């Protein structure tokens, strides 16, 4: 689940939460709520084709 929050210094950011409530990741601070929503939409579009690199 994504949550949108207001940043202390102004603006908005999102957090991606797991089913157990743990924060998995968070975004940069956006100047508008609409920009934060667009960021969430971009993540949702990209996730199906995302890959990863093991750099251990």
PDB file of N, CA and C in Angstrom:
ATOM      1  N   UNK A   1       0.842  -1.160   0.000  1.00  0.00           N
ATOM      2  CA  UNK A   1       0.000   0.000   0.000  1.00  0.00           C
ATOM      3  C   UNK A   1       0.895   1.234   0.000  1.00  0.00           C
ATOM      4  N   UNK A   2       0.516   2.245  -0.763  1.00  0.00           N
ATOM      5  CA  UNK A   2       1.208   3.526  -0.754  1.00  0.00           C
ATOM      6  C   UNK A   2       0.478   4.479   0.183  1.00  0.00           C
ATOM      7  N   UNK A   3       1.236   5.285   0.900  1.00  0.00           N
ATOM      8  CA  UNK A   3       0.683   6.341   1.750  1.00  0.00           C
ATOM      9  C   UNK A   3       1.333   7.658   1.337  1.00  0.00           C
ATOM     10  N   UNK A   4       0.544   8.714   1.254  1.00  0.00           N
ATOM     11  CA  UNK A   4       1.085  10.043   0.978  1.00  0.00           C
ATOM     12  C   UNK A   4       1.098  10.816   2.290  1.00  0.00           C
ATOM     13  N   UNK A   5       2.226  11.480   2.554  1.00  0.00           N
ATOM     14  CA  UNK A   5       2.405  12.265   3.774  1.00  0.00           C
ATOM     15  C   UNK A   5       2.844  13.674   3.410  1.00  0.00           C
ATOM     16  N   UNK A   6       2.590  14.610   4.312  1.00  0.00           N
ATOM     17  CA  UNK A   6       3.131  15.966   4.174  1.00  0.00           C
ATOM     18  C   UNK A   6       4.507  15.996   4.813  1.00  0.00           C
ATOM     19  N   UNK A   7       5.445  16.611   4.138  1.00  0.00           N
ATOM     20  CA  UNK A   7       6.796  16.756   4.667  1.00  0.00           C
ATOM     21  C   UNK A   7       6.840  17.920   5.648  1.00  0.00           C
ATOM     22  N   UNK A   8       7.714  17.841   6.630  1.00  0.00           N
ATOM     23  CA  UNK A   8       7.813  18.894   7.652  1.00  0.00           C
ATOM     24  C   UNK A   8       8.156  20.248   7.056  1.00  0.00           C
ATOM     25  N   UNK A   9       9.040  20.272   6.073  1.00  0.00           N
ATOM     26  CA  UNK A   9       9.452  21.533   5.472  1.00  0.00           C
ATOM     27  C   UNK A   9       8.556  21.995   4.339  1.00  0.00           C
ATOM     28  N   UNK A  10       7.464  21.287   4.105  1.00  0.00           N
ATOM     29  CA  UNK A  10       6.569  21.590   2.997  1.00  0.00           C
ATOM     30  C   UNK A  10       6.701  20.540   1.910  1.00  0.00           C
ATOM     31  N   UNK A  11       5.677  20.339   1.183  1.00  0.00           N
ATOM     32  CA  UNK A  11       5.661  19.351   0.112  1.00  0.00           C
ATOM     33  C   UNK A  11       5.066  18.030   0.577  1.00  0.00           C
ATOM     34  N   UNK A  12       5.218  17.037  -0.272  1.00  0.00           N
ATOM     35  CA  UNK A  12       4.606  15.727  -0.050  1.00  0.00           C
ATOM     36  C   UNK A  12       5.592  14.625  -0.414  1.00  0.00           C
ATOM     37  N   UNK A  13       5.456  13.474   0.232  1.00  0.00           N
ATOM     38  CA  UNK A  13       6.232  12.300  -0.130  1.00  0.00           C
ATOM     39  C   UNK A  13       5.368  11.077   0.079  1.00  0.00           C
ATOM     40  N   UNK A  14       5.776   9.965  -0.523  1.00  0.00           N
ATOM     41  CA  UNK A  14       5.021   8.727  -0.329  1.00  0.00           C
ATOM     42  C   UNK A  14       5.902   7.663   0.311  1.00  0.00           C
ATOM     43  N   UNK A  15       5.224   6.747   0.961  1.00  0.00           N
ATOM     44  CA  UNK A  15       5.861   5.558   1.533  1.00  0.00           C
ATOM     45  C   UNK A  15       5.147   4.337   0.976  1.00  0.00           C
ATOM     46  N   UNK A  16       5.915   3.317   0.657  1.00  0.00           N
ATOM     47  CA  UNK A  16       5.360   2.025   0.269  1.00  0.00           C
ATOM     48  C   UNK A  16       5.445   1.132   1.491  1.00  0.00           C
ATOM     49  N   UNK A  17       4.288   0.638   1.943  1.00  0.00           N
ATOM     50  CA  UNK A  17       4.212  -0.165   3.166  1.00  0.00           C
ATOM     51  C   UNK A  17       3.884  -1.622   2.837  1.00  0.00           C
ATOM     52  N   UNK A  18       4.490  -2.531   3.570  1.00  0.00           N
ATOM     53  CA  UNK A  18       4.190  -3.955   3.462  1.00  0.00           C
ATOM     54  C   UNK A  18       2.889  -4.264   4.203  1.00  0.00           C
ATOM     55  N   UNK A  19       2.389  -5.460   4.021  1.00  0.00           N
ATOM     56  CA  UNK A  19       1.144  -5.873   4.685  1.00  0.00           C
ATOM     57  C   UNK A  19       1.265  -5.815   6.202  1.00  0.00           C
ATOM     58  N   UNK A  20       2.489  -5.988   6.731  1.00  0.00           N
ATOM     59  CA  UNK A  20       2.675  -5.946   8.187  1.00  0.00           C
ATOM     60  C   UNK A  20       2.899  -4.521   8.704  1.00  0.00           C
ATOM     61  N   UNK A  21       2.801  -3.520   7.823  1.00  0.00           N
ATOM     62  CA  UNK A  21       2.938  -2.130   8.232  1.00  0.00           C
ATOM     63  C   UNK A  21       4.350  -1.576   8.143  1.00  0.00           C
ATOM     64  N   UNK A  22       5.317  -2.426   7.818  1.00  0.00           N
ATOM     65  CA  UNK A  22       6.702  -1.981   7.722  1.00  0.00           C
ATOM     66  C   UNK A  22       6.904  -1.144   6.459  1.00  0.00           C
ATOM     67  N   UNK A  23       7.667  -0.054   6.568  1.00  0.00           N
ATOM     68  CA  UNK A  23       7.980   0.772   5.409  1.00  0.00           C
ATOM     69  C   UNK A  23       9.039   0.072   4.570  1.00  0.00           C
ATOM     70  N   UNK A  24       8.710  -0.146   3.299  1.00  0.00           N
ATOM     71  CA  UNK A  24       9.645  -0.791   2.386  1.00  0.00           C
ATOM     72  C   UNK A  24      10.534   0.226   1.686  1.00  0.00           C
ATOM     73  N   UNK A  25       9.964   1.360   1.312  1.00  0.00           N
ATOM     74  CA  UNK A  25      10.736   2.434   0.691  1.00  0.00           C
ATOM     75  C   UNK A  25       9.937   3.720   0.756  1.00  0.00           C
ATOM     76  N   UNK A  26      10.601   4.826   0.419  1.00  0.00           N
ATOM     77  CA  UNK A  26       9.924   6.117   0.419  1.00  0.00           C
ATOM     78  C   UNK A  26      10.469   6.957  -0.720  1.00  0.00           C
ATOM     79  N   UNK A  27       9.757   7.993  -1.053  1.00  0.00           N
ATOM     80  CA  UNK A  27      10.129   8.834  -2.183  1.00  0.00           C
ATOM     81  C   UNK A  27      10.909  10.059  -1.735  1.00  0.00           C
ATOM     82  N   UNK A  28      11.305  10.825  -2.726  1.00  0.00           N
ATOM     83  CA  UNK A  28      11.822  12.167  -2.498  1.00  0.00           C
ATOM     84  C   UNK A  28      10.648  13.053  -2.081  1.00  0.00           C
ATOM     85  N   UNK A  29      10.900  14.292  -1.717  1.00  0.00           N
ATOM     86  CA  UNK A  29       9.833  15.230  -1.396  1.00  0.00           C
ATOM     87  C   UNK A  29       9.424  15.943  -2.685  1.00  0.00           C
ATOM     88  N   UNK A  30       8.143  15.909  -2.970  1.00  0.00           N
ATOM     89  CA  UNK A  30       7.566  16.572  -4.141  1.00  0.00           C
ATOM     90  C   UNK A  30       6.940  17.889  -3.705  1.00  0.00           C
ATOM     91  N   UNK A  31       6.894  18.846  -4.600  1.00  0.00           N
ATOM     92  CA  UNK A  31       6.344  20.151  -4.249  1.00  0.00           C
ATOM     93  C   UNK A  31       4.820  20.151  -4.187  1.00  0.00           C
ATOM     94  N   UNK A  32       4.181  19.242  -4.934  1.00  0.00           N
ATOM     95  CA  UNK A  32       2.720  19.181  -4.922  1.00  0.00           C
ATOM     96  C   UNK A  32       2.252  17.750  -4.667  1.00  0.00           C
ATOM     97  N   UNK A  33       1.039  17.631  -4.174  1.00  0.00           N
ATOM     98  CA  UNK A  33       0.448  16.307  -3.945  1.00  0.00           C
ATOM     99  C   UNK A  33       0.261  15.576  -5.274  1.00  0.00           C
ATOM    100  N   UNK A  34      -0.115  16.320  -6.307  1.00  0.00           N
ATOM    101  CA  UNK A  34      -0.295  15.701  -7.628  1.00  0.00           C
ATOM    102  C   UNK A  34       1.013  15.089  -8.129  1.00  0.00           C
ATOM    103  N   UNK A  35       2.130  15.739  -7.875  1.00  0.00           N
ATOM    104  CA  UNK A  35       3.432  15.198  -8.274  1.00  0.00           C
ATOM    105  C   UNK A  35       3.737  13.908  -7.514  1.00  0.00           C
ATOM    106  N   UNK A  36       3.410  13.863  -6.236  1.00  0.00           N
ATOM    107  CA  UNK A  36       3.602  12.643  -5.453  1.00  0.00           C
ATOM    108  C   UNK A  36       2.729  11.520  -6.003  1.00  0.00           C
ATOM    109  N   UNK A  37       1.504  11.837  -6.355  1.00  0.00           N
ATOM    110  CA  UNK A  37       0.609  10.833  -6.950  1.00  0.00           C
ATOM    111  C   UNK A  37       1.151  10.337  -8.289  1.00  0.00           C
ATOM    112  N   UNK A  38       1.721  11.239  -9.074  1.00  0.00           N
ATOM    113  CA  UNK A  38       2.333  10.833 -10.347  1.00  0.00           C
ATOM    114  C   UNK A  38       3.537   9.931 -10.109  1.00  0.00           C
ATOM    115  N   UNK A  39       4.288  10.189  -9.045  1.00  0.00           N
ATOM    116  CA  UNK A  39       5.408   9.328  -8.686  1.00  0.00           C
ATOM    117  C   UNK A  39       4.955   7.916  -8.345  1.00  0.00           C
ATOM    118  N   UNK A  40       3.864   7.821  -7.606  1.00  0.00           N
ATOM    119  CA  UNK A  40       3.292   6.504  -7.283  1.00  0.00           C
ATOM    120  C   UNK A  40       2.870   5.790  -8.559  1.00  0.00           C
ATOM    121  N   UNK A  41       2.206   6.512  -9.455  1.00  0.00           N
ATOM    122  CA  UNK A  41       1.751   5.920 -10.716  1.00  0.00           C
ATOM    123  C   UNK A  41       2.946   5.421 -11.538  1.00  0.00           C
ATOM    124  N   UNK A  42       4.042   6.165 -11.535  1.00  0.00           N
ATOM    125  CA  UNK A  42       5.236   5.751 -12.275  1.00  0.00           C
ATOM    126  C   UNK A  42       5.813   4.464 -11.700  1.00  0.00           C
ATOM    127  N   UNK A  43       5.886   4.365 -10.387  1.00  0.00           N
ATOM    128  CA  UNK A  43       6.388   3.139  -9.752  1.00  0.00           C
ATOM    129  C   UNK A  43       5.494   1.961 -10.134  1.00  0.00           C
ATOM    130  N   UNK A  44       4.202   2.147 -10.085  1.00  0.00           N
ATOM    131  CA  UNK A  44       3.270   1.065 -10.418  1.00  0.00           C
ATOM    132  C   UNK A  44       3.433   0.601 -11.862  1.00  0.00           C
ATOM    133  N   UNK A  45       3.713   1.542 -12.772  1.00  0.00           N
ATOM    134  CA  UNK A  45       3.922   1.181 -14.180  1.00  0.00           C
ATOM    135  C   UNK A  45       5.223   0.409 -14.375  1.00  0.00           C
ATOM    136  N   UNK A  46       6.259   0.778 -13.636  1.00  0.00           N
ATOM    137  CA  UNK A  46       7.584   0.202 -13.847  1.00  0.00           C
ATOM    138  C   UNK A  46       7.828  -1.116 -13.122  1.00  0.00           C
ATOM    139  N   UNK A  47       7.123  -1.371 -12.053  1.00  0.00           N
ATOM    140  CA  UNK A  47       7.385  -2.555 -11.225  1.00  0.00           C
ATOM    141  C   UNK A  47       7.288  -3.871 -11.996  1.00  0.00           C
ATOM    142  N   UNK A  48       6.304  -4.071 -12.867  1.00  0.00           N
ATOM    143  CA  UNK A  48       6.230  -5.379 -13.540  1.00  0.00           C
ATOM    144  C   UNK A  48       7.484  -5.744 -14.337  1.00  0.00           C
ATOM    145  N   UNK A  49       8.226  -4.755 -14.814  1.00  0.00           N
ATOM    146  CA  UNK A  49       9.414  -5.054 -15.618  1.00  0.00           C
ATOM    147  C   UNK A  49      10.722  -4.772 -14.870  1.00  0.00           C
ATOM    148  N   UNK A  50      10.638  -4.507 -13.592  1.00  0.00           N
ATOM    149  CA  UNK A  50      11.840  -4.162 -12.820  1.00  0.00           C
ATOM    150  C   UNK A  50      12.747  -5.373 -12.644  1.00  0.00           C
ATOM    151  N   UNK A  51      14.037  -5.100 -12.700  1.00  0.00           N
ATOM    152  CA  UNK A  51      15.022  -6.139 -12.427  1.00  0.00           C
ATOM    153  C   UNK A  51      15.843  -5.699 -11.214  1.00  0.00           C
ATOM    154  N   UNK A  52      16.766  -6.536 -10.806  1.00  0.00           N
ATOM    155  CA  UNK A  52      17.626  -6.142  -9.696  1.00  0.00           C
ATOM    156  C   UNK A  52      19.028  -6.671  -9.964  1.00  0.00           C
ATOM    157  N   UNK A  53      19.997  -6.066  -9.265  1.00  0.00           N
ATOM    158  CA  UNK A  53      21.381  -6.499  -9.352  1.00  0.00           C
ATOM    159  C   UNK A  53      21.879  -6.831  -7.963  1.00  0.00           C
ATOM    160  N   UNK A  54      22.472  -7.982  -7.832  1.00  0.00           N
ATOM    161  CA  UNK A  54      23.089  -8.384  -6.569  1.00  0.00           C
ATOM    162  C   UNK A  54      24.526  -7.878  -6.595  1.00  0.00           C
ATOM    163  N   UNK A  55      24.816  -6.868  -5.799  1.00  0.00           N
ATOM    164  CA  UNK A  55      26.144  -6.265  -5.793  1.00  0.00           C
ATOM    165  C   UNK A  55      26.943  -6.631  -4.547  1.00  0.00           C
ATOM    166  N   UNK A  56      26.670  -7.815  -4.014  1.00  0.00           N
ATOM    167  CA  UNK A  56      27.392  -8.249  -2.823  1.00  0.00           C
ATOM    168  C   UNK A  56      28.749  -8.803  -3.171  1.00  0.00           C
TER     169      UNK A  56
END
